[in-house]
């Protein structure tokens, strides 16, 4: 009886406690239901998007504020994989797999992804009603005509090259010959305009200044040949001939049939590689090489490290390609070692006594087939298209490009402005890892040019910022050169040809011949540059003989494709 009484008391206590706990739980749950429901919904809605970028890059920090905002507001987080090694080899390995990253950027080999059928057609997801930002982006001025592939599909929306309102040209962001600013300053700010003047200046500088202040030898000229970046080795010829970037062909826009030819096997190309051969064998003061012997074996990272050291005086490249080196030099205060883009042309002696007029700067061109595609493995393609739609809004474009108002920039009298410290952040890699979302934004569709209120989309193009935030060194340097902006060294951009730029044409239908075309150049041009001068003529003839077939196939194909694009653009 006593035990039974004890048991009943214990049960009663437990029941009372349970009831109290239940009441407390219900009360608390009722008070927190809206927030908890929202959090629960957000948690269920959160997706992780796998991303491959066809370029090297840095992983963002875990607390990156822009990615946190994307996660909180859009319910999307990212897992990034950046290119490490050769692009084409990496893509081949990925295509051999059964699954692909959700967002797939094939870099300069994106056509490989399109031809392999691993990207979805984006057109069914884009409409004026559901995605007005994307619709305006690709349909304004009939841009869609140039963007569709031969099968009438849209696999990639260009990551760059679509201008809103006005184009701003403060500098050269594309191909050029580059030279350290200290070399120009040393020669009383005279700007070389021809190939011979350029190398003569570098030679004279090394003769007078063979080493850095730290006792490290200067290198006169570097040539990057790593993978798809072999354009540093191949493309200079077309620019020396006075044409903008058409890839591996020269298109004569003055002829009705837009006569198209490969330039690498032409007599005028030999002049450039003969000049490099001459420079390769020069040793200034009998000791200091104009071209380092390891230049053809350097990978991209080694090349950037060499430029970042301040010891490389010149190279042919594209501004965006070596921007990590520029950022490093600026962060170290080595402004005199940063590079000036100059538009060299052939001396008359190389082109039958003619005078070449330079046209490095082209009208704005859409970066066709470059940027993110959505793979067939993606489980939520519509959601990623909607993400790009959201990212193209003015609000998000300002966030990606300028940052947060009050933190990264201010607005005064309607003009967006940055302090010196705020602008300096944009070139600091560690700051960007925590405060920018370049890994996703760089490959997404974006607005360039100017906003409707006249501000520039790119902070670096904003006139007040471009001039005010320029280093004191650069202000004084440009002033001494008699210029206000680096772009003033170039002729104004010419009107974009109806076909755009020929490098954008898909080479898939002649893949075998195109691979052969590139492989022969990659193997033999360095040998021609390094060979004994007495062997140059024989090696050049052997090179042109071996590459003649692939050049013929390539020229005929590109001629046909150029005419097709002209017809599409003009009809």
Protein backbone atom coordinates (compact mmCIF):
# COMPACT_ATOMS: atom_id res chain seq x y z
CA UNK A 1 0.00 0.00 0.00
CA UNK A 2 2.78 2.33 0.94
CA UNK A 3 4.68 1.53 -2.26
CA UNK A 4 1.56 2.07 -4.32
CA UNK A 5 1.05 5.50 -2.71
CA UNK A 6 4.62 6.49 -3.46
CA UNK A 7 4.23 5.40 -7.07
CA UNK A 8 1.04 7.45 -7.45
CA UNK A 9 2.74 10.53 -6.03
CA UNK A 10 5.67 10.15 -8.43
CA UNK A 11 3.31 9.70 -11.37
CA UNK A 12 1.37 12.79 -10.35
CA UNK A 13 4.55 14.84 -10.18
CA UNK A 14 5.64 13.58 -13.58
CA UNK A 15 2.27 14.36 -15.12
CA UNK A 16 2.28 17.89 -13.69
CA UNK A 17 5.82 18.44 -14.98
CA UNK A 18 4.90 17.13 -18.40
CA UNK A 19 1.85 19.35 -18.58
CA UNK A 20 3.94 22.35 -17.55
CA UNK A 21 6.60 21.59 -20.09
CA UNK A 22 3.97 21.14 -22.76
CA UNK A 23 2.33 24.45 -21.91
CA UNK A 24 5.74 26.16 -21.95
CA UNK A 25 6.61 24.53 -25.29
CA UNK A 26 3.29 25.53 -26.84
CA UNK A 27 3.62 29.06 -25.55
CA UNK A 28 7.16 29.45 -26.81
CA UNK A 29 6.40 27.73 -30.09
CA UNK A 30 3.42 29.98 -30.68
CA UNK A 31 5.52 33.08 -30.05
CA UNK A 32 8.32 31.93 -32.37
CA UNK A 33 6.31 30.24 -35.11
CA UNK A 34 6.72 32.93 -37.84
CA UNK A 35 10.49 33.19 -37.43
CA UNK A 36 10.98 29.45 -37.03
CA UNK A 37 8.75 28.69 -39.96
CA UNK A 38 10.73 31.13 -42.11
CA UNK A 39 14.03 29.68 -40.92
CA UNK A 40 12.78 26.16 -41.53
CA UNK A 41 11.58 27.07 -44.99
CA UNK A 42 14.91 28.77 -45.73
CA UNK A 43 16.83 25.74 -44.50
CA UNK A 44 14.76 23.42 -46.68
CA UNK A 45 15.11 25.81 -49.61
CA UNK A 46 18.87 26.18 -49.29
CA UNK A 47 20.78 24.59 -52.15
CA UNK A 48 24.49 24.10 -52.75
CA UNK A 49 25.55 24.88 -56.29
CA UNK A 50 28.73 23.29 -57.60
CA UNK A 51 30.79 25.64 -59.75
CA UNK A 52 33.77 25.11 -62.05
CA UNK A 53 35.74 28.12 -63.28
CA UNK A 54 38.03 27.64 -66.26
CA UNK A 55 40.60 30.01 -64.75
CA UNK A 56 42.79 29.92 -61.64
CA UNK A 57 41.27 31.71 -58.66
CA UNK A 58 41.11 32.09 -54.90
CA UNK A 59 38.53 30.48 -52.63
CA UNK A 60 36.39 33.06 -50.83
CA UNK A 61 36.47 33.13 -47.06
CA UNK A 62 33.75 31.33 -45.11
CA UNK A 63 32.39 34.64 -43.84
CA UNK A 64 32.47 36.47 -47.18
CA UNK A 65 29.74 39.09 -46.80
CA UNK A 66 28.48 39.03 -50.40
CA UNK A 67 28.12 35.25 -50.47
CA UNK A 68 26.40 35.41 -47.07
CA UNK A 69 23.90 37.85 -48.56
CA UNK A 70 23.30 35.54 -51.51
CA UNK A 71 22.76 32.64 -49.13
CA UNK A 72 20.41 34.58 -46.85
CA UNK A 73 18.34 36.22 -49.58
CA UNK A 74 18.42 33.66 -52.39
CA UNK A 75 19.03 30.45 -50.46
CA UNK A 76 22.08 29.56 -52.57
CA UNK A 77 25.58 28.70 -51.51
CA UNK A 78 28.46 27.70 -53.76
CA UNK A 79 31.22 25.13 -53.88
CA UNK A 80 33.95 26.48 -56.17
CA UNK A 81 36.54 24.57 -58.13
CA UNK A 82 39.14 26.62 -59.97
CA UNK A 83 41.35 25.54 -62.82
CA UNK A 84 44.62 23.96 -61.74
CA UNK A 85 46.76 22.84 -64.65
CA UNK A 86 45.98 22.63 -68.35
CA UNK A 87 42.46 23.73 -69.31
CA UNK A 88 41.81 21.29 -72.16
CA UNK A 89 43.13 18.32 -70.19
CA UNK A 90 40.99 19.30 -67.20
CA UNK A 91 37.86 19.63 -69.34
CA UNK A 92 38.53 16.24 -70.97
CA UNK A 93 38.67 14.60 -67.55
CA UNK A 94 35.45 16.30 -66.49
CA UNK A 95 33.65 15.29 -69.65
CA UNK A 96 34.64 11.68 -69.04
CA UNK A 97 32.70 11.77 -65.76
CA UNK A 98 29.00 10.98 -65.43
CA UNK A 99 28.14 14.16 -63.56
CA UNK A 100 29.17 17.74 -64.12
CA UNK A 101 29.26 20.89 -62.00
CA UNK A 102 25.98 22.79 -61.96
CA UNK A 103 27.57 26.00 -63.27
CA UNK A 104 30.22 25.15 -65.83
CA UNK A 105 32.66 27.76 -67.16
CA UNK A 106 34.89 26.26 -69.83
CA UNK A 107 37.08 29.35 -70.13
CA UNK A 108 38.58 29.75 -73.58
CA UNK A 109 37.52 26.21 -74.51
CA UNK A 110 33.82 26.60 -73.73
CA UNK A 111 32.93 25.35 -77.22
CA UNK A 112 34.18 21.95 -76.06
CA UNK A 113 31.35 21.86 -73.54
CA UNK A 114 28.76 23.00 -76.06
CA UNK A 115 29.81 20.43 -78.63
CA UNK A 116 29.87 17.65 -76.02
CA UNK A 117 26.21 18.27 -75.17
CA UNK A 118 26.79 18.85 -71.46
CA UNK A 119 25.13 22.28 -71.33
CA UNK A 120 21.39 22.97 -71.47
CA UNK A 121 19.69 25.41 -73.84
CA UNK A 122 18.86 28.53 -71.83
CA UNK A 123 16.31 30.00 -74.25
CA UNK A 124 13.29 28.09 -72.86
CA UNK A 125 13.93 29.68 -69.46
CA UNK A 126 14.15 33.27 -70.70
CA UNK A 127 11.11 35.42 -71.49
CA UNK A 128 10.12 39.06 -71.32
CA UNK A 129 7.59 38.24 -68.60
CA UNK A 130 9.58 35.92 -66.31
CA UNK A 131 13.12 37.21 -66.82
CA UNK A 132 12.89 40.83 -68.03
CA UNK A 133 16.51 41.67 -67.12
CA UNK A 134 17.97 38.74 -69.06
CA UNK A 135 15.54 39.28 -71.92
CA UNK A 136 16.60 42.91 -72.32
CA UNK A 137 20.25 41.91 -71.94
CA UNK A 138 20.31 39.50 -74.89
CA UNK A 139 17.55 40.78 -77.18
CA UNK A 140 18.33 44.52 -77.29
CA UNK A 141 19.82 45.53 -80.67
CA UNK A 142 19.21 42.00 -81.93
CA UNK A 143 22.14 40.70 -79.88
CA UNK A 144 20.47 37.30 -79.83
CA UNK A 145 21.37 36.83 -83.51
CA UNK A 146 25.04 36.75 -82.67
CA UNK A 147 24.64 34.65 -79.54
CA UNK A 148 22.80 31.64 -80.91
CA UNK A 149 24.77 28.62 -82.02
CA UNK A 150 24.23 27.00 -85.40
CA UNK A 151 21.57 24.75 -83.89
CA UNK A 152 19.61 27.82 -82.75
CA UNK A 153 20.36 27.39 -79.04
CA UNK A 154 21.80 29.59 -76.33
CA UNK A 155 24.18 27.73 -74.06
CA UNK A 156 26.09 30.64 -72.50
CA UNK A 157 25.12 34.27 -71.87
CA UNK A 158 28.28 36.39 -72.35
CA UNK A 159 30.09 37.29 -69.15
CA UNK A 160 31.47 40.51 -70.64
CA UNK A 161 30.92 42.85 -73.56
CA UNK A 162 27.32 44.06 -73.29
CA UNK A 163 27.32 47.81 -72.83
CA UNK A 164 24.54 49.88 -71.34
CA UNK A 165 24.29 53.52 -72.41
CA UNK A 166 27.83 54.86 -72.99
CA UNK A 167 31.14 53.03 -73.50
CA UNK A 168 33.97 54.42 -71.38
CA UNK A 169 37.53 54.02 -72.67
CA UNK A 170 40.12 55.07 -70.11
CA UNK A 171 42.68 52.39 -70.81
CA UNK A 172 43.45 49.29 -72.86
CA UNK A 173 42.10 46.15 -71.23
CA UNK A 174 42.91 43.88 -74.16
CA UNK A 175 45.95 42.96 -76.24
CA UNK A 176 49.03 45.14 -76.49
CA UNK A 177 52.76 45.17 -76.07
CA UNK A 178 53.62 46.15 -72.51
CA UNK A 179 56.64 47.86 -71.01
CA UNK A 180 57.51 48.87 -67.46
CA UNK A 181 56.82 52.53 -66.80
CA UNK A 182 60.28 53.05 -65.37
CA UNK A 183 61.75 52.22 -68.78
CA UNK A 184 59.68 54.94 -70.44
CA UNK A 185 60.59 57.40 -67.69
CA UNK A 186 64.29 56.56 -68.10
CA UNK A 187 64.10 57.51 -71.79
CA UNK A 188 62.55 60.92 -71.07
CA UNK A 189 59.00 59.62 -71.57
CA UNK A 190 59.35 58.86 -75.27
CA UNK A 191 56.82 56.20 -76.29
CA UNK A 192 58.04 53.63 -78.84
CA UNK A 193 55.63 53.07 -81.71
CA UNK A 194 57.32 50.33 -83.75
CA UNK A 195 58.74 46.90 -83.00
CA UNK A 196 62.35 47.95 -83.48
CA UNK A 197 61.97 51.05 -81.31
CA UNK A 198 60.49 48.91 -78.55
CA UNK A 199 63.30 46.39 -78.36
CA UNK A 200 65.95 49.06 -78.85
CA UNK A 201 64.64 50.92 -75.80
CA UNK A 202 64.62 47.81 -73.61
CA UNK A 203 68.15 46.91 -74.70
CA UNK A 204 69.44 50.40 -73.90
CA UNK A 205 67.74 50.36 -70.50
CA UNK A 206 69.30 47.03 -69.49
CA UNK A 207 72.70 48.19 -70.70
CA UNK A 208 72.43 51.17 -68.36
CA UNK A 209 70.47 49.43 -65.55
CA UNK A 210 71.28 45.70 -65.68
CA UNK A 211 69.93 44.85 -62.24
CA UNK A 212 67.23 45.87 -59.78
CA UNK A 213 68.15 47.74 -56.62
CA UNK A 214 68.19 44.31 -54.94
CA UNK A 215 70.81 43.03 -57.36
CA UNK A 216 68.49 40.82 -59.45
CA UNK A 217 69.03 40.71 -63.22
CA UNK A 218 66.36 42.21 -65.42
CA UNK A 219 64.75 40.17 -68.19
CA UNK A 220 64.01 42.15 -71.33
CA UNK A 221 61.01 40.26 -72.74
CA UNK A 222 58.89 37.32 -71.59
CA UNK A 223 56.74 35.06 -73.78
CA UNK A 224 53.92 33.06 -72.17
CA UNK A 225 53.06 29.82 -74.01
CA UNK A 226 51.03 28.00 -71.37
CA UNK A 227 47.97 26.21 -72.82
CA UNK A 228 45.29 28.44 -74.33
CA UNK A 229 47.33 31.48 -73.29
CA UNK A 230 49.66 30.80 -76.20
CA UNK A 231 48.01 33.86 -77.78
CA UNK A 232 50.92 35.72 -76.17
CA UNK A 233 53.18 33.90 -78.64
CA UNK A 234 50.92 33.86 -81.70
CA UNK A 235 48.66 36.93 -81.78
CA UNK A 236 51.15 39.83 -81.96
CA UNK A 237 51.49 39.53 -85.75
CA UNK A 238 47.95 40.69 -86.52
CA UNK A 239 48.34 43.76 -84.30
CA UNK A 240 51.71 44.64 -85.78
CA UNK A 241 49.86 44.60 -89.12
CA UNK A 242 47.33 47.12 -87.82
CA UNK A 243 44.35 44.94 -87.01
CA UNK A 244 42.36 44.37 -83.78
CA UNK A 245 41.96 40.96 -82.21
CA UNK A 246 40.51 38.40 -84.62
CA UNK A 247 42.27 35.43 -83.04
CA UNK A 248 44.43 33.53 -85.51
CA UNK A 249 43.27 35.16 -88.75
CA UNK A 250 43.41 38.55 -90.40
CA UNK A 251 40.17 39.68 -92.02
CA UNK A 252 40.37 42.35 -94.70
CA UNK A 253 37.22 44.35 -93.99
CA UNK A 254 37.86 46.57 -97.05
CA UNK A 255 37.03 43.73 -99.46
CA UNK A 256 33.44 42.72 -100.30
CA UNK A 257 34.14 39.10 -99.41
CA UNK A 258 35.92 39.96 -96.11
CA UNK A 259 39.00 38.09 -97.31
CA UNK A 260 40.19 35.94 -94.43
CA UNK A 261 43.59 34.30 -94.06
CA UNK A 262 45.73 32.76 -91.38
CA UNK A 263 48.66 35.08 -90.72
CA UNK A 264 51.06 32.71 -89.01
CA UNK A 265 52.31 31.23 -92.33
CA UNK A 266 52.61 34.56 -94.16
CA UNK A 267 55.92 36.27 -94.99
CA UNK A 268 55.04 39.21 -92.75
CA UNK A 269 54.79 36.84 -89.76
CA UNK A 270 58.34 35.66 -90.28
CA UNK A 271 59.58 39.18 -89.51
CA UNK A 272 58.28 38.99 -85.94
CA UNK A 273 59.77 35.61 -85.10
CA UNK A 274 63.05 36.54 -86.76
CA UNK A 275 63.14 39.59 -84.49
CA UNK A 276 62.48 37.40 -81.44
CA UNK A 277 65.24 35.06 -82.60
CA UNK A 278 67.60 38.03 -82.78
CA UNK A 279 66.61 39.16 -79.28
CA UNK A 280 66.84 35.64 -77.86
CA UNK A 281 70.51 35.48 -78.79
CA UNK A 282 71.35 38.92 -77.45
CA UNK A 283 73.10 39.24 -74.12
CA UNK A 284 73.42 42.82 -72.98
CA UNK A 285 76.90 43.61 -71.69
CA UNK A 286 77.72 39.99 -72.53
CA UNK A 287 75.74 38.72 -69.55
CA UNK A 288 72.14 39.90 -69.27
CA UNK A 289 69.65 38.04 -71.48
CA UNK A 290 66.93 39.85 -73.39
CA UNK A 291 64.75 36.72 -73.30
CA UNK A 292 65.20 34.16 -70.53
CA UNK A 293 65.94 30.62 -71.66
CA UNK A 294 63.08 29.24 -69.56
CA UNK A 295 60.41 31.52 -71.00
CA UNK A 296 58.85 28.73 -73.10
CA UNK A 297 58.57 26.34 -70.17
CA UNK A 298 57.02 28.74 -67.66
CA UNK A 299 53.48 27.96 -66.59
CA UNK A 300 51.02 30.74 -65.88
CA UNK A 301 51.74 30.90 -62.14
CA UNK A 302 55.48 31.15 -62.75
CA UNK A 303 54.90 33.86 -65.33
CA UNK A 304 52.78 35.89 -62.90
CA UNK A 305 55.43 35.44 -60.22
CA UNK A 306 58.11 36.73 -62.59
CA UNK A 307 56.05 39.80 -63.51
CA UNK A 308 55.18 40.40 -59.85
CA UNK A 309 58.87 40.48 -58.96
CA UNK A 310 59.37 43.59 -61.08
CA UNK A 311 62.21 42.02 -63.07
CA UNK A 312 60.44 41.53 -66.44
CA UNK A 313 60.59 44.70 -68.51
CA UNK A 314 58.27 43.80 -71.38
CA UNK A 315 55.88 41.26 -72.92
CA UNK A 316 52.92 40.90 -75.25
CA UNK A 317 49.74 39.99 -73.38
CA UNK A 318 46.23 41.16 -72.56
CA UNK A 319 45.76 43.46 -69.56
CA UNK A 320 43.23 41.24 -67.82
CA UNK A 321 45.47 38.19 -68.18
CA UNK A 322 48.26 39.47 -65.93
CA UNK A 323 46.09 41.51 -63.53
CA UNK A 324 47.24 39.43 -60.51
CA UNK A 325 50.77 40.68 -61.14
CA UNK A 326 49.56 44.26 -61.43
CA UNK A 327 47.66 43.94 -58.16
CA UNK A 328 50.75 42.54 -56.46
CA UNK A 329 52.99 45.33 -57.74
CA UNK A 330 50.51 48.02 -56.69
CA UNK A 331 50.05 46.44 -53.25
CA UNK A 332 53.84 46.54 -52.82
CA UNK A 333 54.01 50.19 -53.91
CA UNK A 334 56.13 49.23 -56.98
CA UNK A 335 54.31 51.61 -59.31
CA UNK A 336 57.36 52.17 -61.52
CA UNK A 337 57.36 48.43 -62.26
CA UNK A 338 53.74 48.34 -63.40
CA UNK A 339 53.15 48.17 -67.13
CA UNK A 340 52.12 50.60 -69.82
CA UNK A 341 50.20 49.23 -72.80
CA UNK A 342 51.51 50.52 -76.12
CA UNK A 343 50.21 49.87 -79.67
CA UNK A 344 53.27 48.79 -81.63
CA UNK A 345 53.22 48.26 -85.40
CA UNK A 346 55.78 46.92 -87.85
CA UNK A 347 58.56 49.20 -89.01
CA UNK A 348 58.17 49.95 -92.74
CA UNK A 349 61.14 47.70 -93.55
CA UNK A 350 59.07 44.66 -92.56
CA UNK A 351 56.07 45.48 -94.80
CA UNK A 352 57.56 46.57 -98.14
CA UNK A 353 58.11 50.14 -97.01
CA UNK A 354 54.48 50.77 -96.06
CA UNK A 355 53.37 52.68 -93.00
CA UNK A 356 51.04 50.65 -90.78
CA UNK A 357 48.22 52.40 -88.90
CA UNK A 358 47.43 50.76 -85.58
CA UNK A 359 43.94 49.60 -84.63
CA UNK A 360 44.36 47.70 -81.38
CA UNK A 361 41.13 49.00 -79.84
CA UNK A 362 37.95 47.58 -81.28
CA UNK A 363 34.35 48.55 -80.75
CA UNK A 364 32.81 46.76 -77.80
CA UNK A 365 32.39 43.06 -78.56
CA UNK A 366 30.26 40.54 -76.74
CA UNK A 367 32.33 37.79 -75.17
CA UNK A 368 30.38 35.10 -77.04
CA UNK A 369 30.52 31.57 -75.61
CA UNK A 370 32.40 32.78 -72.55
CA UNK A 371 30.90 32.56 -69.09
CA UNK A 372 28.69 30.16 -67.19
CA UNK A 373 26.62 27.49 -68.81
CA UNK A 374 24.24 25.29 -66.80
CA UNK A 375 25.06 21.61 -67.08
CA UNK A 376 22.64 18.79 -67.83
CA UNK A 377 23.45 17.40 -64.37
CA UNK A 378 21.93 20.43 -62.65
CA UNK A 379 18.75 19.58 -60.71
CA UNK A 380 17.47 23.18 -60.59
CA UNK A 381 18.27 24.98 -63.87
CA UNK A 382 15.28 27.32 -63.63
CA UNK A 383 16.42 28.49 -60.24
CA UNK A 384 19.91 29.27 -61.52
CA UNK A 385 18.49 31.22 -64.44
CA UNK A 386 16.39 33.17 -61.94
CA UNK A 387 19.56 33.75 -59.93
CA UNK A 388 21.22 35.30 -62.99
CA UNK A 389 18.07 37.35 -63.55
CA UNK A 390 18.31 38.68 -60.00
CA UNK A 391 22.03 39.33 -60.35
CA UNK A 392 21.33 41.52 -63.42
CA UNK A 393 19.15 43.88 -61.38
CA UNK A 394 20.60 47.31 -60.65
CA UNK A 395 20.68 46.52 -56.95
CA UNK A 396 22.81 43.40 -57.32
CA UNK A 397 25.02 44.85 -60.06
CA UNK A 398 25.90 47.72 -57.75
CA UNK A 399 26.61 45.25 -54.97
CA UNK A 400 28.90 43.11 -57.13
CA UNK A 401 30.73 45.97 -58.76
CA UNK A 402 30.70 48.74 -56.14
CA UNK A 403 29.85 46.97 -52.88
CA UNK A 404 27.62 48.30 -50.13
CA UNK A 405 26.81 52.00 -49.90
CA UNK A 406 28.32 53.54 -46.80
CA UNK A 407 30.84 50.73 -46.45
CA UNK A 408 32.49 50.51 -49.85
CA UNK A 409 31.41 53.78 -51.45
CA UNK A 410 29.43 56.97 -50.87
CA UNK A 411 27.06 59.02 -53.02
CA UNK A 412 27.48 62.78 -53.29
CA UNK A 413 25.28 64.90 -55.55
CA UNK A 414 24.23 61.75 -57.34
CA UNK A 415 27.79 60.61 -58.05
CA UNK A 416 29.15 57.35 -56.65
CA UNK A 417 32.58 57.90 -55.10
CA UNK A 418 35.29 55.96 -53.28
CA UNK A 419 38.00 57.08 -50.92
CA UNK A 420 41.59 56.15 -51.64
CA UNK A 421 41.38 53.31 -49.10
CA UNK A 422 38.10 51.98 -50.51
CA UNK A 423 39.46 51.97 -54.05
CA UNK A 424 42.72 50.35 -52.96
CA UNK A 425 40.74 47.42 -51.57
CA UNK A 426 39.73 46.48 -55.12
CA UNK A 427 43.30 45.38 -55.88
CA UNK A 428 43.91 43.55 -52.60
CA UNK A 429 43.42 39.82 -53.04
CA UNK A 430 42.90 39.03 -49.37
CA UNK A 431 40.32 41.79 -48.94
CA UNK A 432 38.48 40.59 -52.04
CA UNK A 433 38.32 37.03 -50.71
CA UNK A 434 36.21 38.29 -47.81
CA UNK A 435 34.34 41.19 -49.40
CA UNK A 436 33.84 40.52 -53.11
CA UNK A 437 32.09 37.74 -55.02
CA UNK A 438 34.30 37.74 -58.11
CA UNK A 439 34.30 33.96 -58.45
CA UNK A 440 30.59 33.95 -59.28
CA UNK A 441 30.20 37.45 -60.71
CA UNK A 442 33.09 37.23 -63.18
CA UNK A 443 31.42 34.47 -65.18
CA UNK A 444 27.84 35.72 -64.87
CA UNK A 445 26.12 38.18 -67.25
CA UNK A 446 26.86 41.74 -66.22
CA UNK A 447 26.23 45.36 -67.07
CA UNK A 448 29.06 47.49 -68.44
CA UNK A 449 29.14 51.07 -69.62
CA UNK A 450 27.07 53.53 -67.62
CA UNK A 451 23.97 53.44 -65.43
CA UNK A 452 20.88 55.39 -66.40
CA UNK A 453 21.95 58.16 -64.00
CA UNK A 454 25.37 58.51 -65.68
CA UNK A 455 27.49 56.70 -63.11
CA UNK A 456 29.84 54.04 -64.45
CA UNK A 457 29.05 50.42 -63.71
CA UNK A 458 32.74 49.71 -63.18
CA UNK A 459 34.20 51.84 -60.36
CA UNK A 460 37.52 51.99 -62.15
CA UNK A 461 35.82 53.65 -65.13
CA UNK A 462 34.11 56.33 -63.04
CA UNK A 463 35.93 59.52 -64.16
CA UNK A 464 36.22 60.96 -60.64
CA UNK A 465 37.59 57.71 -59.29
CA UNK A 466 39.82 56.90 -62.25
CA UNK A 467 41.66 60.20 -61.96
CA UNK A 468 41.40 60.89 -58.23
CA UNK A 469 42.44 57.40 -57.15
CA UNK A 470 45.25 57.09 -59.64
CA UNK A 471 48.54 56.89 -57.77
CA UNK A 472 50.62 60.05 -57.57
CA UNK A 473 53.24 58.17 -59.58
CA UNK A 474 50.82 57.41 -62.42
CA UNK A 475 49.44 60.95 -62.47
CA UNK A 476 52.92 62.38 -62.80
CA UNK A 477 53.94 59.68 -65.28
CA UNK A 478 51.01 60.24 -67.66
CA UNK A 479 51.41 63.98 -67.38
CA UNK A 480 55.07 63.65 -68.37
CA UNK A 481 53.96 61.56 -71.35
CA UNK A 482 51.57 64.34 -72.33
CA UNK A 483 48.52 62.17 -71.71
CA UNK A 484 45.63 62.19 -69.27
CA UNK A 485 44.64 58.53 -69.67
CA UNK A 486 46.51 55.45 -70.96
CA UNK A 487 43.89 55.05 -73.72
CA UNK A 488 45.13 58.29 -75.31
CA UNK A 489 48.21 56.37 -76.47
CA UNK A 490 45.95 54.40 -78.83
CA UNK A 491 43.85 55.38 -81.81
CA UNK A 492 40.13 55.54 -80.92
CA UNK A 493 38.27 52.21 -81.15
CA UNK A 494 37.28 51.37 -84.71
CA UNK A 495 33.75 50.34 -85.59
CA UNK A 496 33.15 46.70 -84.76
CA UNK A 497 32.97 44.57 -87.90
CA UNK A 498 29.60 42.90 -88.64
CA UNK A 499 31.04 39.49 -87.76
CA UNK A 500 32.19 40.68 -84.32
CA UNK A 501 35.65 39.29 -83.64
CA UNK A 502 36.64 36.14 -85.49
CA UNK A 503 38.23 34.44 -82.46
CA UNK A 504 34.69 33.78 -81.21
CA UNK A 505 33.87 31.44 -84.10
CA UNK A 506 33.42 27.82 -83.02
CA UNK A 507 36.20 25.61 -84.38
CA UNK A 508 34.37 22.36 -83.55
CA UNK A 509 33.62 21.33 -87.18
CA UNK A 510 37.35 21.36 -88.01
CA UNK A 511 38.53 20.18 -84.60
CA UNK A 512 41.23 17.82 -85.90
CA UNK A 513 42.78 20.35 -88.27
CA UNK A 514 42.49 23.11 -85.67
CA UNK A 515 44.30 21.02 -83.06
CA UNK A 516 47.01 20.27 -85.61
CA UNK A 517 47.20 23.98 -86.49
CA UNK A 518 47.83 24.92 -82.85
CA UNK A 519 50.11 22.02 -82.02
CA UNK A 520 52.49 22.79 -84.88
CA UNK A 521 52.74 26.42 -83.77
CA UNK A 522 53.23 25.53 -80.10
CA UNK A 523 56.00 23.08 -80.94
CA UNK A 524 57.85 24.87 -83.70
CA UNK A 525 57.61 28.62 -83.06
CA UNK A 526 59.68 28.37 -79.84
CA UNK A 527 62.22 26.30 -81.76
CA UNK A 528 62.40 28.95 -84.47
CA UNK A 529 62.95 31.65 -81.85
CA UNK A 530 65.68 29.65 -80.09
CA UNK A 531 67.47 28.18 -83.12
CA UNK A 532 70.86 29.33 -84.35
CA UNK A 533 70.27 32.37 -86.59
CA UNK A 534 71.91 30.54 -89.47
CA UNK A 535 69.13 27.92 -89.32
CA UNK A 536 66.20 30.32 -89.15
CA UNK A 537 65.32 30.42 -92.85
CA UNK A 538 65.41 26.64 -93.16
CA UNK A 539 63.31 26.14 -90.02
CA UNK A 540 60.77 28.75 -91.09
CA UNK A 541 60.31 27.09 -94.49
CA UNK A 542 59.87 23.70 -92.81
CA UNK A 543 57.32 25.21 -90.44
CA UNK A 544 55.23 26.80 -93.19
CA UNK A 545 55.33 23.59 -95.21
CA UNK A 546 54.13 21.47 -92.30
CA UNK A 547 51.36 23.85 -91.27
CA UNK A 548 50.18 24.65 -94.82
CA UNK A 549 47.38 22.06 -94.91
CA UNK A 550 45.80 22.99 -91.57
CA UNK A 551 46.18 26.68 -92.49
CA UNK A 552 44.32 26.09 -95.73
CA UNK A 553 41.48 24.22 -94.03
CA UNK A 554 41.30 26.78 -91.25
CA UNK A 555 41.36 29.80 -93.60
CA UNK A 556 38.62 28.39 -95.83
CA UNK A 557 36.46 27.49 -92.84
CA UNK A 558 36.89 30.88 -91.19
CA UNK A 559 36.16 32.66 -94.47
CA UNK A 560 32.86 30.80 -94.74
CA UNK A 561 31.93 31.48 -91.10
CA UNK A 562 32.81 35.17 -91.31
CA UNK A 563 30.54 35.61 -94.34
CA UNK A 564 27.77 33.72 -92.56
CA UNK A 565 28.00 36.05 -89.56
CA UNK A 566 28.06 39.13 -91.81
CA UNK A 567 24.89 37.92 -93.52
CA UNK A 568 23.16 37.28 -90.18
CA UNK A 569 24.12 40.72 -88.88
CA UNK A 570 23.06 42.64 -91.97
CA UNK A 571 19.77 40.86 -92.74
